[in-house]
């Protein structure tokens, strides 16, 4: 590959990179979108829910032609003990109407479709191309080096959207070394299930979909959560475990997934299903703490590469922030072209835009959640405590029903103590409520 020149090079054809490339191409700029996989989405994995309002502003009515599975109108949050489950079930009629709140999607098909929209707008998509380094000239980023013969691609601006462990952000000196407690590892299986069986088991009608998340011990004492999402004719079933937990216990996340699938509350939901595929993905979960420097002269960092994942325990949102960051990166580069200025000072407008958006505001708002998720009792003790407490309270054995508050106090006194429970409750309140 001989040297080529573009207006903008985007590394990574996920939601952030494709959004930026699409919007820049619409404005007439010559854009190269580089993807290391065989096709966009081939190496991408996430649980399964794409929240749709932000993307609908960029591609109005996208859900009418994109490969979405089901719209999500029902969300269940559950606490798991070894043999019990306590759930909060939310079902909204408002989420059944356009533009909908979100959709279950498969990244392999959705990312491929979305990148196709960018190609239609004029983007050059380069699949199976690995970016190794940035090119610097005059103190600014001026392109990238790719793993091909004479593989230099020059550009006035570069957007690094190359995933959670972004090589480009490190090569440009924008990101420091990672710590294990900043990441979780997610693994997902897709299990084929007849639509009728799935709809009966999950109380769904037509194209209705379910997002179900679980918190508790995921086998071998691993700290994390699990999920089940309903596709059109399959289930996305997976677990997410903290990397430092995996390392400390010498366990594998596949053991955790098997343990979750065998749980007495989960196994009947999967009965008769046929395994189709699995995938794994690193998830940046340290919130604002792990957001790198987002810009330098001639370059911006977006999506997972910028750590822009909202991980609050009750929710895990990465695609929406990625799309927003891609849009704001494109807007900043358009400013730079109009001013003829790609300096660091001009690129700093990107960070200012992010601070004014919900992306960095949410990361700041829920910054306590990242610390809370490191609390071992959140996984080891409280899910089991809630299940045990309700099991005792609902047991009818002729001995009567004690007042719930008194029973809770007694159990906490026996286990971790009221003072520790109060401190944990305050930490959870700071993370989620105020």
Protein backbone atom coordinates (compact mmCIF):
# COMPACT_ATOMS: atom_id res chain seq x y z
CA UNK A 1 0.00 0.00 0.00
CA UNK A 2 1.61 3.27 -1.05
CA UNK A 3 1.21 6.46 0.93
CA UNK A 4 -2.26 7.96 0.70
CA UNK A 5 -3.60 11.29 1.87
CA UNK A 6 -7.03 12.00 3.36
CA UNK A 7 -8.64 14.86 5.17
CA UNK A 8 -9.37 12.65 8.20
CA UNK A 9 -8.36 9.16 9.28
CA UNK A 10 -10.59 7.35 11.79
CA UNK A 11 -9.19 4.26 13.52
CA UNK A 12 -11.94 1.88 14.60
CA UNK A 13 -15.29 1.25 12.89
CA UNK A 14 -17.33 0.93 16.06
CA UNK A 15 -20.16 3.36 16.94
CA UNK A 16 -17.81 6.25 17.80
CA UNK A 17 -15.56 5.97 14.75
CA UNK A 18 -18.36 5.32 12.28
CA UNK A 19 -20.42 8.24 13.61
CA UNK A 20 -17.49 10.62 13.18
CA UNK A 21 -16.66 9.29 9.70
CA UNK A 22 -20.29 9.48 8.56
CA UNK A 23 -20.80 13.08 9.70
CA UNK A 24 -17.50 14.25 8.20
CA UNK A 25 -18.24 12.56 4.87
CA UNK A 26 -21.65 14.23 4.77
CA UNK A 27 -19.81 17.56 4.91
CA UNK A 28 -17.70 16.59 1.91
CA UNK A 29 -14.44 15.62 3.60
CA UNK A 30 -12.31 12.73 2.35
CA UNK A 31 -12.35 10.17 5.17
CA UNK A 32 -10.64 6.81 5.66
CA UNK A 33 -12.26 4.52 8.24
CA UNK A 34 -9.84 1.80 9.35
CA UNK A 35 -11.08 -1.47 10.88
CA UNK A 36 -8.82 -4.28 12.11
CA UNK A 37 -11.53 -6.94 11.80
CA UNK A 38 -12.70 -8.74 8.71
CA UNK A 39 -15.66 -6.37 8.76
CA UNK A 40 -17.00 -3.77 11.24
CA UNK A 41 -18.41 -5.60 14.25
CA UNK A 42 -16.43 -8.80 13.66
CA UNK A 43 -14.35 -8.13 16.78
CA UNK A 44 -16.90 -6.13 18.75
CA UNK A 45 -19.01 -7.46 21.60
CA UNK A 46 -21.43 -5.92 24.05
CA UNK A 47 -24.38 -7.12 26.06
CA UNK A 48 -26.98 -6.17 23.55
CA UNK A 49 -28.94 -2.93 24.17
CA UNK A 50 -28.53 0.09 21.90
CA UNK A 51 -30.31 3.13 23.35
CA UNK A 52 -31.76 4.84 20.34
CA UNK A 53 -32.48 8.54 20.93
CA UNK A 54 -28.96 9.84 20.19
CA UNK A 55 -28.50 7.75 17.04
CA UNK A 56 -31.98 8.68 15.81
CA UNK A 57 -30.83 12.31 15.61
CA UNK A 58 -28.01 11.27 13.25
CA UNK A 59 -29.86 8.68 11.18
CA UNK A 60 -33.58 9.46 11.63
CA UNK A 61 -35.73 6.36 11.77
CA UNK A 62 -32.66 4.11 11.62
CA UNK A 63 -34.59 1.30 13.30
CA UNK A 64 -36.79 0.93 10.22
CA UNK A 65 -33.88 -0.37 8.13
CA UNK A 66 -31.11 -1.28 10.58
CA UNK A 67 -30.71 -4.92 11.73
CA UNK A 68 -32.25 -4.42 15.18
CA UNK A 69 -33.61 -7.47 17.02
CA UNK A 70 -36.38 -6.24 19.38
CA UNK A 71 -37.32 -2.95 21.01
CA UNK A 72 -36.77 -3.00 24.78
CA UNK A 73 -39.83 -2.10 26.83
CA UNK A 74 -39.08 -4.24 29.87
CA UNK A 75 -36.11 -4.09 32.25
CA UNK A 76 -35.46 -6.44 35.18
CA UNK A 77 -32.76 -5.86 37.81
CA UNK A 78 -32.11 -8.89 40.02
CA UNK A 79 -30.02 -9.90 43.03
CA UNK A 80 -28.74 -13.47 43.01
CA UNK A 81 -27.81 -15.67 45.93
CA UNK A 82 -26.62 -19.23 45.40
CA UNK A 83 -30.17 -20.57 45.05
CA UNK A 84 -32.56 -17.58 45.09
CA UNK A 85 -33.31 -14.38 43.20
CA UNK A 86 -35.01 -11.07 44.07
CA UNK A 87 -36.06 -8.89 41.13
CA UNK A 88 -37.36 -5.43 40.30
CA UNK A 89 -39.40 -5.67 37.08
CA UNK A 90 -40.12 -2.48 35.10
CA UNK A 91 -42.41 -2.61 32.05
CA UNK A 92 -43.15 0.63 30.19
CA UNK A 93 -45.84 1.19 27.54
CA UNK A 94 -44.05 4.42 26.58
CA UNK A 95 -41.02 2.42 25.44
CA UNK A 96 -43.17 0.55 22.89
CA UNK A 97 -43.60 3.61 20.66
CA UNK A 98 -41.23 5.32 18.16
CA UNK A 99 -38.54 6.47 18.50
CA UNK A 100 -38.38 3.84 21.26
CA UNK A 101 -35.97 3.89 24.20
CA UNK A 102 -33.67 1.16 22.99
CA UNK A 103 -33.18 -1.98 20.92
CA UNK A 104 -31.45 -5.28 21.37
CA UNK A 105 -28.84 -5.56 18.63
CA UNK A 106 -25.96 -7.81 17.62
CA UNK A 107 -22.81 -5.80 16.99
CA UNK A 108 -21.61 -8.07 14.17
CA UNK A 109 -24.63 -7.15 12.07
CA UNK A 110 -25.39 -3.67 13.39
CA UNK A 111 -21.85 -2.24 13.13
CA UNK A 112 -21.56 -3.63 9.62
CA UNK A 113 -24.81 -1.91 8.61
CA UNK A 114 -23.81 1.39 10.27
CA UNK A 115 -20.41 1.43 8.57
CA UNK A 116 -22.26 0.76 5.33
CA UNK A 117 -24.18 4.00 5.87
CA UNK A 118 -20.84 5.80 6.17
CA UNK A 119 -19.60 4.17 2.96
CA UNK A 120 -22.74 5.37 1.16
CA UNK A 121 -21.86 8.90 2.33
CA UNK A 122 -18.42 8.59 0.71
CA UNK A 123 -16.18 7.08 3.42
CA UNK A 124 -13.41 4.71 2.32
CA UNK A 125 -13.61 1.65 4.60
CA UNK A 126 -10.36 -0.31 5.02
CA UNK A 127 -11.03 -3.67 6.70
CA UNK A 128 -8.40 -6.07 8.06
CA UNK A 129 -6.01 -3.18 8.60
CA UNK A 130 -4.07 -2.79 11.84
CA UNK A 131 -2.90 0.66 12.91
CA UNK A 132 0.51 0.50 14.61
CA UNK A 133 1.45 4.11 15.30
CA UNK A 134 0.77 7.77 14.70
CA UNK A 135 2.80 9.95 12.34
CA UNK A 136 4.01 13.24 13.80
CA UNK A 137 5.11 16.31 11.91
CA UNK A 138 5.80 19.72 13.35
CA UNK A 139 4.73 18.58 16.83
CA UNK A 140 1.28 17.44 15.64
CA UNK A 141 -0.26 14.15 14.59
CA UNK A 142 -0.31 14.01 10.79
CA UNK A 143 -1.52 10.50 10.04
CA UNK A 144 -1.07 6.85 10.99
CA UNK A 145 1.15 3.90 10.12
CA UNK A 146 -0.69 0.72 9.27
CA UNK A 147 0.56 -2.84 9.03
CA UNK A 148 0.82 -2.99 5.28
CA UNK A 149 3.66 -2.50 2.87
CA UNK A 150 4.57 1.20 2.77
CA UNK A 151 1.53 1.70 4.93
CA UNK A 152 1.50 5.41 5.73
CA UNK A 153 -1.82 7.21 5.63
CA UNK A 154 -1.52 10.98 5.95
CA UNK A 155 -4.34 13.21 7.18
CA UNK A 156 -4.98 16.65 8.61
CA UNK A 157 -6.72 15.02 11.58
CA UNK A 158 -6.87 11.58 13.22
CA UNK A 159 -9.62 10.19 15.45
CA UNK A 160 -8.62 7.29 17.72
CA UNK A 161 -11.69 5.14 18.27
CA UNK A 162 -9.75 1.89 18.49
CA UNK A 163 -11.24 0.36 21.62
CA UNK A 164 -10.75 0.09 25.35
CA UNK A 165 -6.98 -0.48 25.27
CA UNK A 166 -6.41 2.10 22.52
CA UNK A 167 -2.93 1.72 21.04
CA UNK A 168 -3.15 5.09 19.30
CA UNK A 169 -3.94 6.99 22.49
CA UNK A 170 -0.85 5.44 24.10
CA UNK A 171 1.34 6.07 21.06
CA UNK A 172 0.27 9.71 21.06
CA UNK A 173 1.16 10.02 24.74
CA UNK A 174 -2.43 10.67 25.81
CA UNK A 175 -2.93 7.60 28.00
CA UNK A 176 -0.90 6.11 30.84
CA UNK A 177 -0.60 2.48 31.91
CA UNK A 178 -3.79 0.73 33.00
CA UNK A 179 -4.64 -0.74 36.40
CA UNK A 180 -6.53 -4.07 36.65
CA UNK A 181 -9.28 -2.51 38.77
CA UNK A 182 -10.16 -0.17 35.90
CA UNK A 183 -11.54 -2.95 33.69
CA UNK A 184 -14.04 -5.73 33.71
CA UNK A 185 -14.05 -8.63 31.29
CA UNK A 186 -17.34 -9.54 29.66
CA UNK A 187 -18.12 -12.82 27.93
CA UNK A 188 -21.32 -13.57 26.03
CA UNK A 189 -22.96 -16.60 24.50
CA UNK A 190 -25.71 -16.43 21.92
CA UNK A 191 -28.20 -19.24 22.50
CA UNK A 192 -30.79 -20.01 19.86
CA UNK A 193 -34.32 -20.37 21.18
CA UNK A 194 -37.62 -20.52 19.25
CA UNK A 195 -39.38 -17.12 19.37
CA UNK A 196 -42.57 -18.64 20.79
CA UNK A 197 -40.71 -20.34 23.65
CA UNK A 198 -38.79 -17.14 24.40
CA UNK A 199 -41.92 -14.99 24.39
CA UNK A 200 -43.70 -17.41 26.73
CA UNK A 201 -40.79 -17.62 29.17
CA UNK A 202 -40.20 -13.86 29.29
CA UNK A 203 -43.83 -12.69 28.90
CA UNK A 204 -43.22 -10.87 25.61
CA UNK A 205 -45.57 -10.06 22.75
CA UNK A 206 -44.55 -9.60 19.12
CA UNK A 207 -41.36 -7.51 18.84
CA UNK A 208 -41.19 -6.65 22.55
CA UNK A 209 -37.80 -7.21 24.16
CA UNK A 210 -36.27 -7.65 27.59
CA UNK A 211 -33.12 -6.34 29.23
CA UNK A 212 -32.34 -8.34 32.36
CA UNK A 213 -29.32 -7.64 34.58
CA UNK A 214 -28.13 -9.56 37.64
CA UNK A 215 -25.81 -8.72 40.52
CA UNK A 216 -24.18 -11.21 42.88
CA UNK A 217 -21.46 -13.82 43.17
CA UNK A 218 -20.71 -15.16 39.72
CA UNK A 219 -19.12 -18.44 40.82
CA UNK A 220 -15.67 -18.91 42.44
CA UNK A 221 -16.26 -15.72 44.41
CA UNK A 222 -15.87 -13.52 41.34
CA UNK A 223 -17.19 -9.97 41.59
CA UNK A 224 -19.47 -8.86 38.80
CA UNK A 225 -22.82 -9.19 37.18
CA UNK A 226 -24.67 -11.05 34.48
CA UNK A 227 -27.23 -10.34 31.78
CA UNK A 228 -29.86 -11.87 29.52
CA UNK A 229 -31.13 -9.99 26.47
CA UNK A 230 -33.80 -11.24 24.09
CA UNK A 231 -32.94 -11.25 20.40
CA UNK A 232 -35.44 -12.10 17.68
CA UNK A 233 -34.84 -15.87 17.88
CA UNK A 234 -32.01 -16.19 20.39
CA UNK A 235 -30.80 -15.01 23.79
CA UNK A 236 -27.63 -13.08 24.56
CA UNK A 237 -26.44 -14.52 27.88
CA UNK A 238 -23.29 -13.35 29.59
CA UNK A 239 -21.35 -12.36 32.66
CA UNK A 240 -19.10 -9.42 33.47
CA UNK A 241 -16.38 -9.91 36.08
CA UNK A 242 -13.80 -7.47 37.43
CA UNK A 243 -10.34 -8.21 36.06
CA UNK A 244 -8.66 -7.87 39.45
CA UNK A 245 -11.17 -10.38 40.86
CA UNK A 246 -10.29 -12.88 38.13
CA UNK A 247 -6.59 -12.41 38.83
CA UNK A 248 -6.91 -12.64 42.61
CA UNK A 249 -8.91 -15.88 42.51
CA UNK A 250 -7.13 -17.54 39.62
CA UNK A 251 -10.53 -18.19 38.08
CA UNK A 252 -11.80 -18.03 34.52
CA UNK A 253 -14.78 -16.03 33.40
CA UNK A 254 -16.08 -19.07 31.52
CA UNK A 255 -16.50 -20.86 34.87
CA UNK A 256 -18.53 -17.87 36.04
CA UNK A 257 -20.72 -18.06 32.93
CA UNK A 258 -21.34 -21.77 33.44
CA UNK A 259 -22.22 -21.14 37.08
CA UNK A 260 -24.71 -18.44 36.10
CA UNK A 261 -26.35 -20.61 33.43
CA UNK A 262 -26.79 -23.43 35.97
CA UNK A 263 -28.42 -21.22 38.62
CA UNK A 264 -31.87 -22.64 39.50
CA UNK A 265 -33.56 -19.38 38.49
CA UNK A 266 -31.72 -19.18 35.15
CA UNK A 267 -31.46 -22.76 33.86
CA UNK A 268 -35.21 -23.11 33.07
CA UNK A 269 -35.04 -19.95 30.94
CA UNK A 270 -32.32 -21.49 28.76
CA UNK A 271 -33.69 -25.02 28.57
CA UNK A 272 -33.69 -26.46 25.07
CA UNK A 273 -31.55 -23.64 23.69
CA UNK A 274 -28.77 -24.31 21.19
CA UNK A 275 -25.37 -22.66 21.53
CA UNK A 276 -24.47 -20.51 18.50
CA UNK A 277 -21.42 -18.42 19.35
CA UNK A 278 -19.47 -16.66 22.07
CA UNK A 279 -17.39 -13.51 22.33
CA UNK A 280 -15.41 -11.57 24.94
CA UNK A 281 -14.60 -7.91 25.48
CA UNK A 282 -12.71 -5.67 27.91
CA UNK A 283 -14.94 -2.98 29.43
CA UNK A 284 -13.50 0.27 30.89
CA UNK A 285 -15.41 0.70 34.15
CA UNK A 286 -13.47 3.21 36.24
CA UNK A 287 -15.60 6.14 35.06
CA UNK A 288 -14.10 9.61 35.00
CA UNK A 289 -10.95 8.29 36.68
CA UNK A 290 -9.77 6.52 33.52
CA UNK A 291 -10.67 9.14 30.90
CA UNK A 292 -7.32 9.99 29.25
CA UNK A 293 -6.26 13.28 27.80
CA UNK A 294 -8.74 13.54 24.95
CA UNK A 295 -6.81 15.61 22.40
CA UNK A 296 -3.50 16.73 21.06
CA UNK A 297 -2.57 18.67 17.96
CA UNK A 298 -4.21 16.91 15.00
CA UNK A 299 -5.83 14.11 17.01
CA UNK A 300 -8.89 13.30 19.17
CA UNK A 301 -9.83 10.19 21.21
CA UNK A 302 -13.42 8.91 21.24
CA UNK A 303 -15.63 6.06 22.48
CA UNK A 304 -14.17 3.21 24.55
CA UNK A 305 -10.69 4.47 23.69
CA UNK A 306 -11.53 7.53 25.77
CA UNK A 307 -13.02 5.45 28.61
CA UNK A 308 -16.45 6.92 27.92
CA UNK A 309 -18.48 4.08 29.43
CA UNK A 310 -21.14 4.80 32.03
CA UNK A 311 -20.86 1.86 34.46
CA UNK A 312 -23.14 2.51 37.40
CA UNK A 313 -23.98 -0.99 38.60
CA UNK A 314 -27.66 -0.65 37.69
CA UNK A 315 -26.74 0.28 34.13
CA UNK A 316 -23.90 -0.20 31.69
CA UNK A 317 -24.01 2.24 28.78
CA UNK A 318 -21.25 2.44 26.21
CA UNK A 319 -22.73 2.78 22.71
CA UNK A 320 -24.68 5.94 23.46
CA UNK A 321 -21.64 7.84 24.83
CA UNK A 322 -19.60 6.49 21.90
CA UNK A 323 -22.04 7.87 19.32
CA UNK A 324 -22.14 11.22 21.12
CA UNK A 325 -18.35 11.43 21.32
CA UNK A 326 -18.07 10.59 17.61
CA UNK A 327 -20.50 13.38 16.75
CA UNK A 328 -18.66 15.91 18.91
CA UNK A 329 -15.30 14.84 17.46
CA UNK A 330 -16.64 15.42 13.95
CA UNK A 331 -17.99 18.85 14.91
CA UNK A 332 -14.59 19.83 16.35
CA UNK A 333 -12.71 18.72 13.24
CA UNK A 334 -15.16 20.62 11.03
CA UNK A 335 -14.32 23.73 13.09
CA UNK A 336 -10.64 23.01 12.54
CA UNK A 337 -11.04 22.74 8.76
CA UNK A 338 -13.05 25.94 8.60
CA UNK A 339 -10.39 27.78 10.63
CA UNK A 340 -7.46 26.04 8.94
CA UNK A 341 -6.16 25.30 12.44
CA UNK A 342 -5.50 21.78 13.80
CA UNK A 343 -3.49 22.90 16.79
CA UNK A 344 -3.89 21.53 20.29
CA UNK A 345 -5.78 24.67 21.26
CA UNK A 346 -8.34 24.08 18.51
CA UNK A 347 -8.66 20.36 19.36
CA UNK A 348 -9.41 21.34 22.97
CA UNK A 349 -12.89 22.38 21.81
CA UNK A 350 -13.71 18.67 21.74
CA UNK A 351 -13.25 18.32 25.48
CA UNK A 352 -15.30 21.46 26.08
CA UNK A 353 -18.13 20.00 24.01
CA UNK A 354 -17.97 16.73 25.93
CA UNK A 355 -18.13 18.59 29.24
CA UNK A 356 -21.29 20.35 28.07
CA UNK A 357 -22.83 17.03 26.96
CA UNK A 358 -24.41 14.29 29.03
CA UNK A 359 -21.35 12.07 28.50
CA UNK A 360 -18.86 13.68 30.87
CA UNK A 361 -21.64 15.07 33.03
CA UNK A 362 -22.92 11.53 33.69
CA UNK A 363 -19.41 10.24 34.36
CA UNK A 364 -18.96 13.03 36.91
CA UNK A 365 -22.46 12.55 38.34
CA UNK A 366 -21.87 8.82 38.93
CA UNK A 367 -18.17 8.95 39.79
CA UNK A 368 -18.92 7.33 43.15
CA UNK A 369 -20.29 4.25 41.39
CA UNK A 370 -16.83 3.15 40.25
CA UNK A 371 -15.59 3.10 43.86
CA UNK A 372 -18.77 1.40 45.06
CA UNK A 373 -18.37 -1.42 42.54
CA UNK A 374 -15.06 -2.35 44.21
CA UNK A 375 -16.90 -3.08 47.50
CA UNK A 376 -16.76 -6.87 47.92
CA UNK A 377 -19.88 -6.93 50.09
CA UNK A 378 -21.91 -5.70 47.11
CA UNK A 379 -21.37 -9.13 45.54
CA UNK A 380 -20.46 -11.42 48.43
CA UNK A 381 -22.98 -10.39 51.07
CA UNK A 382 -25.89 -8.11 50.15
CA UNK A 383 -27.55 -10.14 47.36
CA UNK A 384 -27.55 -13.21 49.61
CA UNK A 385 -28.70 -11.13 52.59
CA UNK A 386 -31.71 -9.74 50.70
CA UNK A 387 -32.69 -13.20 49.44
CA UNK A 388 -32.32 -14.80 52.91
CA UNK A 389 -34.27 -12.02 54.59
CA UNK A 390 -37.23 -12.24 52.23
CA UNK A 391 -37.17 -16.03 52.32
CA UNK A 392 -37.51 -15.97 56.11
CA UNK A 393 -40.14 -13.25 56.04
CA UNK A 394 -42.35 -15.05 53.50
CA UNK A 395 -42.00 -18.48 55.12
CA UNK A 396 -45.29 -19.68 56.60
CA UNK A 397 -44.51 -22.19 59.39
CA UNK A 398 -46.94 -21.33 62.14
CA UNK A 399 -44.42 -19.23 64.04
CA UNK A 400 -45.81 -15.90 62.80
CA UNK A 401 -44.22 -13.10 60.78
CA UNK A 402 -41.77 -10.83 62.60
CA UNK A 403 -41.60 -7.15 61.65
CA UNK A 404 -39.23 -6.75 58.71
CA UNK A 405 -37.17 -3.94 60.28
CA UNK A 406 -36.51 -5.96 63.41
CA UNK A 407 -35.51 -9.01 61.40
CA UNK A 408 -33.15 -6.96 59.22
CA UNK A 409 -31.50 -5.44 62.30
CA UNK A 410 -31.06 -8.84 63.91
CA UNK A 411 -29.50 -10.39 60.82
CA UNK A 412 -27.15 -7.46 60.25
CA UNK A 413 -26.07 -7.54 63.89
CA UNK A 414 -25.22 -11.22 63.47
CA UNK A 415 -23.31 -10.71 60.23
CA UNK A 416 -21.52 -7.46 59.40
CA UNK A 417 -23.02 -5.09 62.00
CA UNK A 418 -25.33 -2.12 61.62
CA UNK A 419 -22.50 0.40 61.45
CA UNK A 420 -20.88 -1.30 58.44
CA UNK A 421 -24.27 -1.65 56.74
CA UNK A 422 -24.96 2.05 57.32
CA UNK A 423 -21.60 3.02 55.80
CA UNK A 424 -22.24 0.81 52.78
CA UNK A 425 -25.76 2.22 52.44
CA UNK A 426 -24.34 5.74 52.47
CA UNK A 427 -21.81 4.79 49.77
CA UNK A 428 -24.57 3.30 47.61
CA UNK A 429 -26.73 6.38 48.15
CA UNK A 430 -23.87 8.67 47.09
CA UNK A 431 -23.33 6.52 44.00
CA UNK A 432 -26.96 6.28 42.84
CA UNK A 433 -29.34 8.61 44.67
CA UNK A 434 -27.80 11.97 45.50
